[in-house]
Amino acid sequence: MTELTPQFEGDAQASTTREVDDAVSSPSIPQRNGARRGVPQYAPVEGEQAAQAATAPALGGSPAGTQASAETSPAQERRASALREAGESSKPGAEADPLNVSRETADDAFAGLADDDDSPLAREMIETERLRRALEATDFPRPPRTRVIAVTNQKGGVGKTTTSVNVAAALASRGANVLVIDADPQGNASTALGVPHHAGTPSIYDVLLDDVPIAKVAQRCPDIDTLWCVPATIDLAGADIELVSVVRREFRLHMAIQELLNGAGKNLDYIFIDCPPSLGLLTLNSMVVANEVLIPIQCEYYALEGLTQLIKTVEMVKKHLNPEIHVSTIVLTMYDARTNLAREVASEVRTHFPAQTLAQTIPRSVRVSEAPSFAQTVMTYDPHSTGAVAYLAVAKDIAERGQAAPTPGGQQ
């Protein structure tokens, strides 16, 4: 078995490559950053066809080139003007769909839309793009020392893995050196970061049970040079049982990360540990080494119920095993402002944890759910989407909180 030894200074070559299955694609059909097996690819209509497709419904199916009604609304005129400025072909009076504007011409198209546009979708797109530009223009502060953050919640399906990989990717895209440790036997974080994690791959299991250094199992994310991942394989499913008889079983990950930070990983800014949906020995190992806990909470009452138990567990670890650990961040995920339930849960969490709960929420987004099927995070799959911009804003808040109130690292 070949050992992978990436360097964390950012100057090494990628340690892995990804195979792309193009059996369902053809040269004539464009693809979005990859291909999924058995899923047909969508070919957007461009140029003259786009103008005709947009014109026909607006004119009640009249042939292309027919004179438009003189009662064209100001909103239609603004959209048509935006489409012309973006360099696309347009007929007089044709209504331009903002969703048909390509990403390469999106900047000009947004400039042509007014704030008082009557389309809610257009307004949302404008606000999202403005926030993205503002975040891209902002410098994310680097922490004075490595921050070890355990992303945990014993409730499953609340967005732990999604939050781990996307916040890590957002910070890495802004220049930070970030390592993600996949401590969940399902291996979903490894999938999202595009690193191999089939049976037999050197993984976190070898680190915990066989004392293999983390630097020898970490793999570089193929999309972002300053992002690494320690994968999880199916072998990790039995680690909770196998660790029972091991000496200092709660400190196995702590010792491995200490060794890493004293050697190849001394320049790391962040280490994110994606914990399994349980409070077993894998989660306990993560809490013993972490100095911060990030809790994603789905905006539903089932997720809220287990929060008290999780806080008690963190306090127990702080009292007996790791005095540096504390809940630093709570992120509200899958937030839908249209529902009373989501607003009530968000209000409840902010009432009890005002300092820890971020103002930025993570909305439900198809792009966020779609990205892992392309072995990517949403940050590289569709950086203009609402989900990507929301995670970028969360990453900025996390970076600023660490700069304002630095805490001792888990390596001390």
Protein backbone atom coordinates (compact mmCIF):
# COMPACT_ATOMS: atom_id res chain seq x y z
CA MET A 1 0.00 0.00 0.00
CA THR A 2 1.41 3.35 -1.00
CA GLU A 3 1.61 5.91 1.79
CA LEU A 4 0.48 9.44 1.03
CA THR A 5 2.60 12.15 2.62
CA PRO A 6 1.36 15.59 1.55
CA GLN A 7 3.09 18.73 2.82
CA PHE A 8 0.90 21.28 4.60
CA GLU A 9 3.00 24.32 3.56
CA GLY A 10 1.01 24.50 0.30
CA ASP A 11 3.82 23.69 -2.18
CA ALA A 12 3.29 19.97 -2.77
CA GLN A 13 1.61 18.36 -5.73
CA ALA A 14 -1.92 16.93 -5.40
CA SER A 15 -1.80 13.54 -3.78
CA THR A 16 -4.81 12.06 -5.51
CA THR A 17 -6.63 12.23 -8.83
CA ARG A 18 -10.29 11.71 -9.52
CA GLU A 19 -11.69 9.57 -12.32
CA VAL A 20 -14.51 11.12 -14.24
CA ASP A 21 -17.09 8.81 -15.75
CA ASP A 22 -18.12 10.36 -19.06
CA ALA A 23 -20.17 7.40 -20.27
CA VAL A 24 -23.34 9.50 -20.19
CA SER A 25 -21.84 12.63 -21.70
CA SER A 26 -21.05 13.58 -25.30
CA PRO A 27 -18.82 16.31 -26.81
CA SER A 28 -21.87 18.22 -27.94
CA ILE A 29 -23.42 18.48 -24.49
CA PRO A 30 -21.74 20.88 -22.03
CA GLN A 31 -21.19 19.68 -18.46
CA ARG A 32 -21.22 21.55 -15.14
CA ASN A 33 -17.85 20.87 -13.47
CA GLY A 34 -18.18 17.07 -13.76
CA ALA A 35 -20.62 14.33 -14.59
CA ARG A 36 -22.83 11.99 -12.62
CA ARG A 37 -23.35 8.40 -13.66
CA GLY A 38 -26.74 7.87 -15.31
CA VAL A 39 -27.83 11.51 -15.05
CA PRO A 40 -28.49 13.33 -18.35
CA GLN A 41 -26.77 16.67 -18.74
CA TYR A 42 -28.74 19.82 -19.48
CA ALA A 43 -27.80 21.75 -22.61
CA PRO A 44 -28.73 25.44 -22.23
CA VAL A 45 -30.28 27.27 -25.14
CA GLU A 46 -28.10 30.11 -26.29
CA GLY A 47 -28.07 32.96 -28.78
CA GLU A 48 -30.91 33.13 -31.27
CA GLN A 49 -32.70 30.10 -29.80
CA ALA A 50 -32.73 31.69 -26.35
CA ALA A 51 -34.34 34.82 -27.71
CA GLN A 52 -36.97 32.82 -29.58
CA ALA A 53 -37.69 30.62 -26.56
CA ALA A 54 -38.18 33.68 -24.38
CA THR A 55 -40.26 35.48 -27.03
CA ALA A 56 -42.73 32.73 -27.91
CA PRO A 57 -44.47 32.40 -24.51
CA ALA A 58 -44.62 36.17 -24.04
CA LEU A 59 -46.26 36.66 -27.40
CA GLY A 60 -48.72 33.78 -27.09
CA GLY A 61 -46.83 31.50 -29.47
CA SER A 62 -46.46 34.01 -32.31
CA PRO A 63 -43.58 33.40 -34.75
CA ALA A 64 -40.18 34.90 -34.00
CA GLY A 65 -39.80 38.39 -35.32
CA THR A 66 -43.47 39.38 -34.78
CA GLN A 67 -43.92 42.93 -33.51
CA ALA A 68 -44.33 42.96 -29.68
CA SER A 69 -47.20 44.67 -27.95
CA ALA A 70 -46.77 48.39 -27.35
CA GLU A 71 -47.78 47.85 -23.72
CA THR A 72 -44.46 46.31 -22.72
CA SER A 73 -43.93 46.75 -18.98
CA PRO A 74 -40.89 48.66 -17.61
CA ALA A 75 -39.68 45.42 -15.98
CA GLN A 76 -39.67 43.69 -19.37
CA GLU A 77 -37.77 46.57 -20.92
CA ARG A 78 -35.17 46.46 -18.13
CA ARG A 79 -34.70 42.71 -18.55
CA ALA A 80 -34.39 43.02 -22.34
CA SER A 81 -31.85 45.82 -21.90
CA ALA A 82 -29.86 43.74 -19.45
CA LEU A 83 -29.79 40.82 -21.86
CA ARG A 84 -28.60 43.02 -24.75
CA GLU A 85 -25.87 44.54 -22.57
CA ALA A 86 -24.74 41.05 -21.61
CA GLY A 87 -24.00 40.36 -25.26
CA GLU A 88 -26.90 38.01 -26.04
CA SER A 89 -29.15 38.19 -29.08
CA SER A 90 -32.58 39.71 -28.31
CA LYS A 91 -35.70 40.62 -30.24
CA PRO A 92 -37.52 43.92 -29.58
CA GLY A 93 -39.93 43.48 -26.70
CA ALA A 94 -38.67 40.01 -25.79
CA GLU A 95 -38.58 39.27 -22.08
CA ALA A 96 -35.14 38.16 -20.89
CA ASP A 97 -35.08 35.52 -18.21
CA PRO A 98 -32.30 36.26 -15.69
CA LEU A 99 -31.80 32.50 -15.25
CA ASN A 100 -30.83 32.20 -18.94
CA VAL A 101 -27.94 34.63 -18.58
CA SER A 102 -24.67 32.76 -18.54
CA ARG A 103 -22.32 33.08 -15.54
CA GLU A 104 -19.66 34.70 -17.74
CA THR A 105 -22.03 37.61 -18.42
CA ALA A 106 -23.71 37.64 -15.01
CA ASP A 107 -21.94 40.79 -13.84
CA ASP A 108 -23.36 42.89 -16.69
CA ALA A 109 -26.79 41.32 -16.33
CA PHE A 110 -26.99 42.18 -12.62
CA ALA A 111 -25.99 45.75 -13.39
CA GLY A 112 -28.96 46.07 -15.72
CA LEU A 113 -31.55 45.04 -13.11
CA ALA A 114 -33.03 47.75 -10.91
CA ASP A 115 -33.62 47.42 -7.17
CA ASP A 116 -37.35 47.94 -7.63
CA ASP A 117 -37.71 45.12 -10.16
CA ASP A 118 -41.03 43.38 -9.76
CA SER A 119 -39.46 39.88 -9.78
CA PRO A 120 -38.70 38.44 -6.30
CA LEU A 121 -36.22 36.03 -7.90
CA ALA A 122 -34.35 38.90 -9.53
CA ARG A 123 -34.19 40.81 -6.24
CA GLU A 124 -32.86 37.74 -4.44
CA MET A 125 -30.23 37.20 -7.12
CA ILE A 126 -29.11 40.81 -6.85
CA GLU A 127 -28.77 40.69 -3.07
CA THR A 128 -26.94 37.37 -3.18
CA GLU A 129 -24.49 38.64 -5.77
CA ARG A 130 -23.86 41.86 -3.87
CA LEU A 131 -23.15 39.90 -0.68
CA ARG A 132 -20.81 37.57 -2.53
CA ARG A 133 -18.85 40.46 -3.99
CA ALA A 134 -18.60 42.15 -0.59
CA LEU A 135 -17.33 38.92 0.99
CA GLU A 136 -14.85 38.31 -1.82
CA ALA A 137 -13.45 41.80 -1.26
CA THR A 138 -13.01 41.21 2.48
CA ASP A 139 -9.82 39.84 4.03
CA PHE A 140 -10.46 36.86 6.30
CA PRO A 141 -8.17 37.14 9.35
CA ARG A 142 -5.83 34.24 9.99
CA PRO A 143 -5.85 32.79 13.52
CA PRO A 144 -2.78 33.33 15.74
CA ARG A 145 -2.57 29.55 16.25
CA THR A 146 -4.23 26.42 14.93
CA ARG A 147 -7.92 26.23 15.78
CA VAL A 148 -9.23 22.67 16.28
CA ILE A 149 -13.00 22.64 15.79
CA ALA A 150 -15.26 19.62 16.36
CA VAL A 151 -18.45 19.80 14.27
CA THR A 152 -20.93 17.69 16.19
CA ASN A 153 -24.58 17.01 16.96
CA GLN A 154 -25.89 13.60 18.00
CA LYS A 155 -28.99 14.24 15.87
CA GLY A 156 -28.46 12.98 12.33
CA GLY A 157 -29.32 14.89 9.17
CA VAL A 158 -28.80 18.39 10.57
CA GLY A 159 -25.97 19.36 8.20
CA LYS A 160 -22.81 18.44 10.15
CA THR A 161 -20.88 17.13 7.16
CA THR A 162 -22.22 19.79 4.81
CA THR A 163 -21.22 22.52 7.24
CA SER A 164 -17.80 20.97 7.89
CA VAL A 165 -16.72 20.68 4.27
CA ASN A 166 -18.21 23.95 3.03
CA VAL A 167 -16.91 26.13 5.86
CA ALA A 168 -13.50 24.46 5.46
CA ALA A 169 -13.58 25.04 1.69
CA ALA A 170 -14.65 28.66 2.15
CA LEU A 171 -11.78 29.37 4.55
CA ALA A 172 -9.29 27.54 2.33
CA SER A 173 -10.46 29.49 -0.72
CA ARG A 174 -9.59 32.68 1.19
CA GLY A 175 -6.01 31.55 1.76
CA ALA A 176 -6.16 29.56 5.02
CA ASN A 177 -4.49 26.16 5.41
CA VAL A 178 -7.29 23.80 6.42
CA LEU A 179 -7.45 20.11 7.31
CA VAL A 180 -10.73 18.19 7.51
CA ILE A 181 -10.71 14.96 9.52
CA ASP A 182 -13.58 12.68 8.53
CA ALA A 183 -14.47 10.83 11.75
CA ASP A 184 -17.81 9.55 10.46
CA PRO A 185 -17.82 5.93 9.17
CA GLN A 186 -20.20 6.98 6.40
CA GLY A 187 -17.33 8.90 4.78
CA ASN A 188 -19.53 11.66 3.37
CA ALA A 189 -16.96 14.41 4.02
CA SER A 190 -14.41 12.41 2.02
CA THR A 191 -16.89 12.17 -0.85
CA ALA A 192 -17.61 15.90 -0.86
CA LEU A 193 -13.91 16.78 -0.88
CA GLY A 194 -13.21 14.42 -3.77
CA VAL A 195 -10.70 12.09 -2.06
CA PRO A 196 -10.74 8.27 -2.36
CA HIS A 197 -12.09 6.44 0.67
CA HIS A 198 -12.75 2.89 -0.52
CA ALA A 199 -11.86 -0.08 1.67
CA GLY A 200 -8.11 -0.38 2.10
CA THR A 201 -7.39 3.34 1.71
CA PRO A 202 -5.15 4.71 4.50
CA SER A 203 -7.61 6.52 6.74
CA ILE A 204 -8.41 7.87 10.19
CA TYR A 205 -8.96 4.26 11.29
CA ASP A 206 -5.23 3.58 10.85
CA VAL A 207 -4.45 6.71 12.85
CA LEU A 208 -6.63 5.71 15.80
CA LEU A 209 -5.89 1.98 15.94
CA ASP A 210 -2.42 1.56 14.40
CA ASP A 211 -0.67 4.84 15.34
CA VAL A 212 -0.13 5.84 11.70
CA PRO A 213 0.81 9.57 11.49
CA ILE A 214 -1.92 11.84 10.11
CA ALA A 215 0.52 13.30 7.57
CA LYS A 216 0.76 9.89 5.89
CA VAL A 217 -2.97 9.43 5.38
CA ALA A 218 -4.04 13.02 4.60
CA GLN A 219 -4.94 13.74 0.97
CA ARG A 220 -5.10 17.07 -0.79
CA CYS A 221 -8.49 18.20 -2.09
CA PRO A 222 -8.20 18.33 -5.91
CA ASP A 223 -10.19 21.59 -6.15
CA ILE A 224 -8.42 23.75 -3.53
CA ASP A 225 -4.66 23.59 -2.98
CA THR A 226 -4.73 24.60 0.70
CA LEU A 227 -7.40 22.09 1.74
CA TRP A 228 -6.60 18.55 2.93
CA CYS A 229 -8.74 15.65 4.11
CA VAL A 230 -8.10 12.61 6.30
CA PRO A 231 -10.62 10.16 4.81
CA ALA A 232 -12.87 7.68 6.60
CA THR A 233 -13.46 4.15 5.33
CA ILE A 234 -15.96 1.47 6.28
CA ASP A 235 -13.37 0.07 8.71
CA LEU A 236 -14.18 2.96 11.03
CA ALA A 237 -17.60 1.44 11.74
CA GLY A 238 -16.06 -0.93 14.27
CA ALA A 239 -13.67 1.56 15.84
CA ASP A 240 -15.97 2.33 18.78
CA ILE A 241 -15.80 -1.31 19.86
CA GLU A 242 -12.11 -1.79 19.09
CA LEU A 243 -11.11 1.32 21.04
CA VAL A 244 -12.71 0.02 24.26
CA SER A 245 -9.66 -2.05 25.20
CA VAL A 246 -7.03 0.45 24.01
CA VAL A 247 -4.93 2.32 26.58
CA ARG A 248 -5.90 6.03 26.84
CA ARG A 249 -8.67 5.41 24.35
CA GLU A 250 -10.10 8.94 24.69
CA PHE A 251 -6.74 10.53 23.76
CA ARG A 252 -5.86 8.62 20.58
CA LEU A 253 -6.79 11.48 18.24
CA HIS A 254 -5.32 14.05 20.63
CA MET A 255 -1.89 12.43 20.45
CA ALA A 256 -2.04 12.14 16.66
CA ILE A 257 -2.94 15.81 16.18
CA GLN A 258 -0.23 16.88 18.62
CA GLU A 259 2.32 15.00 16.55
CA LEU A 260 0.96 16.59 13.36
CA LEU A 261 1.08 20.15 14.72
CA ASN A 262 4.63 19.66 15.93
CA GLY A 263 5.71 18.48 12.49
CA ALA A 264 4.24 18.60 8.98
CA GLY A 265 1.07 20.45 10.02
CA LYS A 266 2.65 23.28 11.97
CA ASN A 267 1.35 25.85 9.47
CA LEU A 268 -2.28 24.70 9.59
CA ASP A 269 -4.79 27.41 10.48
CA TYR A 270 -7.85 25.21 11.03
CA ILE A 271 -8.59 21.57 11.73
CA PHE A 272 -12.26 20.61 11.35
CA ILE A 273 -13.36 17.22 12.72
CA ASP A 274 -16.59 15.92 11.21
CA CYS A 275 -18.09 13.82 14.02
CA PRO A 276 -20.56 10.93 13.62
CA PRO A 277 -24.20 11.37 14.74
CA SER A 278 -23.61 9.80 18.14
CA LEU A 279 -21.86 10.40 21.46
CA GLY A 280 -19.53 7.39 21.29
CA LEU A 281 -15.75 7.11 21.50
CA LEU A 282 -15.19 8.68 18.08
CA THR A 283 -17.04 11.84 19.13
CA LEU A 284 -15.34 11.75 22.53
CA ASN A 285 -11.89 11.59 20.89
CA SER A 286 -12.85 14.63 18.81
CA MET A 287 -13.99 16.62 21.85
CA VAL A 288 -10.86 15.77 23.85
CA VAL A 289 -8.57 17.29 21.22
CA ALA A 290 -10.81 20.20 20.10
CA ASN A 291 -10.77 23.58 21.72
CA GLU A 292 -14.03 24.64 20.03
CA VAL A 293 -17.34 22.98 19.23
CA LEU A 294 -19.44 24.02 16.23
CA ILE A 295 -23.04 22.81 16.42
CA PRO A 296 -25.23 22.84 13.30
CA ILE A 297 -28.93 22.85 14.18
CA GLN A 298 -31.69 22.13 11.71
CA CYS A 299 -34.57 24.55 12.19
CA GLU A 300 -36.95 21.88 13.49
CA TYR A 301 -37.85 20.85 17.03
CA TYR A 302 -36.37 17.34 16.80
CA ALA A 303 -32.92 18.88 16.35
CA LEU A 304 -33.58 21.36 19.15
CA GLU A 305 -34.50 18.60 21.61
CA GLY A 306 -31.02 17.06 21.68
CA LEU A 307 -29.17 20.34 22.12
CA THR A 308 -29.44 20.27 25.92
CA GLN A 309 -27.97 16.78 26.08
CA LEU A 310 -25.11 17.80 23.79
CA ILE A 311 -24.29 20.84 25.93
CA LYS A 312 -24.18 18.59 29.02
CA THR A 313 -21.77 16.26 27.23
CA VAL A 314 -19.49 19.16 26.33
CA GLU A 315 -19.53 20.33 29.96
CA MET A 316 -18.65 16.82 31.14
CA VAL A 317 -15.69 16.65 28.76
CA LYS A 318 -14.59 20.11 29.87
CA LYS A 319 -14.68 19.10 33.54
CA HIS A 320 -12.89 15.76 33.29
CA LEU A 321 -10.85 15.59 30.07
CA ASN A 322 -10.36 18.90 28.23
CA PRO A 323 -10.68 22.19 30.15
CA GLU A 324 -10.19 24.24 26.96
CA ILE A 325 -13.27 23.01 25.09
CA HIS A 326 -16.31 25.28 24.73
CA VAL A 327 -19.24 25.77 22.37
CA SER A 328 -18.08 28.64 20.21
CA THR A 329 -20.52 28.58 17.29
CA ILE A 330 -24.08 27.49 16.54
CA VAL A 331 -25.22 27.55 12.90
CA LEU A 332 -28.89 27.37 11.90
CA THR A 333 -29.16 25.12 8.84
CA MET A 334 -31.91 24.33 6.32
CA TYR A 335 -33.57 27.61 7.27
CA ASP A 336 -36.78 28.56 5.47
CA ALA A 337 -37.93 32.03 6.47
CA ARG A 338 -41.37 31.41 4.95
CA THR A 339 -42.34 29.00 7.75
CA ASN A 340 -43.32 29.97 11.27
CA LEU A 341 -41.61 26.86 12.63
CA ALA A 342 -38.18 27.86 11.32
CA ARG A 343 -38.52 31.37 12.74
CA GLU A 344 -39.68 30.04 16.12
CA VAL A 345 -36.81 27.55 16.40
CA ALA A 346 -34.29 30.22 15.39
CA SER A 347 -35.71 32.60 18.00
CA GLU A 348 -35.58 29.90 20.67
CA VAL A 349 -31.95 29.07 19.96
CA ARG A 350 -30.91 32.74 19.90
CA THR A 351 -32.71 33.36 23.19
CA HIS A 352 -30.76 30.65 25.03
CA PHE A 353 -27.45 31.02 23.14
CA PRO A 354 -27.24 34.65 21.98
CA ALA A 355 -23.45 34.84 21.86
CA GLN A 356 -22.86 31.54 20.10
CA THR A 357 -25.60 31.64 17.44
CA LEU A 358 -24.56 33.27 14.17
CA ALA A 359 -26.83 35.83 12.54
CA GLN A 360 -26.18 34.24 9.14
CA THR A 361 -28.38 31.21 8.48
CA ILE A 362 -27.96 28.48 5.87
CA PRO A 363 -31.00 28.34 3.56
CA ARG A 364 -32.28 25.22 1.88
CA SER A 365 -30.45 25.02 -1.44
CA VAL A 366 -30.54 22.47 -4.21
CA ARG A 367 -26.97 23.40 -5.17
CA VAL A 368 -25.69 22.48 -1.69
CA SER A 369 -27.32 19.05 -1.91
CA GLU A 370 -26.28 18.56 -5.53
CA ALA A 371 -22.57 19.35 -5.14
CA PRO A 372 -21.44 16.08 -3.45
CA SER A 373 -22.72 14.05 -6.40
CA PHE A 374 -19.96 15.79 -8.39
CA ALA A 375 -17.41 15.11 -5.60
CA GLN A 376 -17.27 18.83 -4.82
CA THR A 377 -18.29 21.32 -2.19
CA VAL A 378 -20.79 23.99 -3.17
CA MET A 379 -17.97 26.54 -2.90
CA THR A 380 -16.40 25.18 -6.11
CA TYR A 381 -19.49 23.64 -7.69
CA ASP A 382 -21.54 26.86 -7.80
CA PRO A 383 -19.93 29.77 -5.89
CA HIS A 384 -22.73 32.14 -6.97
CA SER A 385 -25.51 30.10 -5.37
CA THR A 386 -27.29 31.23 -2.21
CA GLY A 387 -25.91 28.26 -0.27
CA ALA A 388 -22.30 29.00 -1.24
CA VAL A 389 -22.63 32.68 -0.33
CA ALA A 390 -24.23 31.78 3.01
CA TYR A 391 -21.38 29.41 3.91
CA LEU A 392 -18.85 32.03 2.86
CA ALA A 393 -20.52 34.49 5.26
CA VAL A 394 -20.45 31.86 8.04
CA ALA A 395 -16.74 31.26 7.38
CA LYS A 396 -16.08 34.99 7.67
CA ASP A 397 -17.88 35.14 11.03
CA ILE A 398 -15.92 32.14 12.31
CA ALA A 399 -12.63 33.68 11.19
CA GLU A 400 -13.41 37.00 12.86
CA ARG A 401 -14.53 35.33 16.10
CA GLY A 402 -11.24 33.50 16.35
CA GLN A 403 -9.30 36.69 15.79
CA ALA A 404 -11.27 38.59 18.40
CA ALA A 405 -11.11 35.94 21.10
CA PRO A 406 -8.23 33.49 20.47
CA THR A 407 -8.20 30.41 22.65
CA PRO A 408 -5.37 28.02 23.41
CA GLY A 409 -4.97 25.38 20.72
CA GLY A 410 -5.63 21.73 21.24
CA GLN A 411 -1.91 21.05 20.80
CA GLN A 412 -1.00 22.56 24.16
